[in-house]
């Protein structure tokens, strides 16, 4: 089953997507700038093979819900996210998304 819902972070709209898969869930929170998602995201692909795309993305491990994803510390962050938005490993998903929202409104 796929569940999509709108949510607001820092006064900006984001889309939360949950995909129920056998024995796991795929979890993503995104807007038109970037996204955070569960550990299914291969950050190294974006940093090494697709660096020219400057993808704004990060992943968190061990999350089971969208709320977990927002609260969990980010385990891996793309280089483009670090450079453009100051994302760091260890910051929460919510903090990272707030930085997207703040930059968008400034």
Protein backbone atom coordinates (compact mmCIF):
# COMPACT_ATOMS: atom_id res chain seq x y z
CA UNK A 1 0.00 0.00 0.00
CA UNK A 2 1.14 3.55 -0.77
CA UNK A 3 0.14 6.38 1.55
CA UNK A 4 0.79 10.01 0.58
CA UNK A 5 -0.03 13.00 2.76
CA UNK A 6 0.82 16.67 2.86
CA UNK A 7 2.53 18.07 5.95
CA UNK A 8 3.84 21.47 6.92
CA UNK A 9 7.31 22.12 8.29
CA UNK A 10 8.47 25.65 8.99
CA UNK A 11 5.39 27.01 7.28
CA UNK A 12 6.27 25.24 4.03
CA UNK A 13 4.49 22.28 2.43
CA UNK A 14 6.16 18.88 2.20
CA UNK A 15 4.91 15.52 0.96
CA UNK A 16 5.21 12.44 3.17
CA UNK A 17 5.18 9.14 1.27
CA UNK A 18 5.06 5.69 2.86
CA UNK A 19 5.25 2.53 0.79
CA UNK A 20 4.51 -0.74 2.58
CA UNK A 21 6.80 -3.41 1.16
CA UNK A 22 7.31 -7.02 2.26
CA UNK A 23 9.09 -6.93 5.64
CA UNK A 24 9.91 -3.20 5.39
CA UNK A 25 8.59 0.27 4.62
CA UNK A 26 9.92 2.90 2.26
CA UNK A 27 9.59 6.34 3.90
CA UNK A 28 10.20 9.72 2.23
CA UNK A 29 9.53 13.35 3.11
CA UNK A 30 10.14 15.72 0.20
CA UNK A 31 9.54 19.06 -1.44
CA UNK A 32 10.68 20.46 -4.78
CA UNK A 33 14.20 21.12 -3.42
CA UNK A 34 15.17 17.88 -1.69
CA UNK A 35 14.20 14.99 0.53
CA UNK A 36 15.01 12.76 3.46
CA UNK A 37 14.27 9.08 3.47
CA UNK A 38 14.88 5.78 5.21
CA UNK A 39 18.08 3.78 4.81
CA UNK A 40 17.01 2.54 1.36
CA UNK A 41 18.67 5.67 -0.07
CA UNK A 42 22.19 5.06 -1.42
CA UNK A 43 23.87 8.39 -0.69
CA UNK A 44 27.21 7.19 -2.10
CA UNK A 45 25.68 6.89 -5.58
CA UNK A 46 24.82 10.61 -5.50
CA UNK A 47 28.17 11.62 -4.01
CA UNK A 48 30.33 9.52 -6.31
CA UNK A 49 28.61 8.55 -9.56
CA UNK A 50 26.02 11.31 -9.89
CA UNK A 51 27.74 14.23 -8.14
CA UNK A 52 27.05 16.53 -11.09
CA UNK A 53 23.31 16.32 -10.32
CA UNK A 54 23.81 18.00 -6.91
CA UNK A 55 20.98 16.02 -5.32
CA UNK A 56 19.77 17.40 -1.98
CA UNK A 57 19.05 14.26 0.06
CA UNK A 58 19.82 12.42 3.29
CA UNK A 59 18.94 9.15 4.98
CA UNK A 60 18.14 7.96 8.47
CA UNK A 61 18.43 4.37 9.70
CA UNK A 62 16.07 2.37 11.87
CA UNK A 63 12.93 4.39 11.18
CA UNK A 64 9.49 2.80 10.97
CA UNK A 65 7.21 5.81 10.44
CA UNK A 66 7.24 9.31 9.00
CA UNK A 67 7.40 10.68 12.57
CA UNK A 68 10.48 8.51 13.22
CA UNK A 69 12.05 9.84 10.02
CA UNK A 70 11.48 13.44 11.10
CA UNK A 71 12.88 12.82 14.60
CA UNK A 72 15.80 10.49 13.79
CA UNK A 73 19.36 11.71 13.35
CA UNK A 74 20.50 11.71 9.74
CA UNK A 75 23.06 9.00 9.16
CA UNK A 76 24.24 9.99 5.66
CA UNK A 77 23.92 13.31 3.82
CA UNK A 78 24.78 14.10 0.21
CA UNK A 79 27.68 16.46 -0.39
CA UNK A 80 25.35 18.85 -2.23
CA UNK A 81 23.13 19.04 0.88
CA UNK A 82 26.10 19.92 3.04
CA UNK A 83 27.31 22.61 0.63
CA UNK A 84 23.97 24.20 -0.26
CA UNK A 85 22.02 23.86 3.01
CA UNK A 86 24.52 23.08 5.77
CA UNK A 87 23.07 19.63 6.48
CA UNK A 88 25.22 17.43 8.70
CA UNK A 89 25.15 13.85 9.87
CA UNK A 90 23.48 13.71 13.27
CA UNK A 91 20.98 16.53 12.74
CA UNK A 92 17.36 15.44 12.80
CA UNK A 93 15.36 15.04 9.62
CA UNK A 94 13.06 17.83 10.79
CA UNK A 95 16.04 20.20 11.27
CA UNK A 96 17.24 19.47 7.74
CA UNK A 97 13.80 20.08 6.24
CA UNK A 98 13.46 23.32 8.25
CA UNK A 99 16.64 24.53 6.58
CA UNK A 100 15.05 23.89 3.18
CA UNK A 101 11.93 25.78 4.27
CA UNK A 102 13.94 28.71 5.66
CA UNK A 103 16.09 29.07 2.57
CA UNK A 104 13.02 28.90 0.34
CA UNK A 105 11.32 31.78 2.16
CA UNK A 106 14.41 34.02 2.31
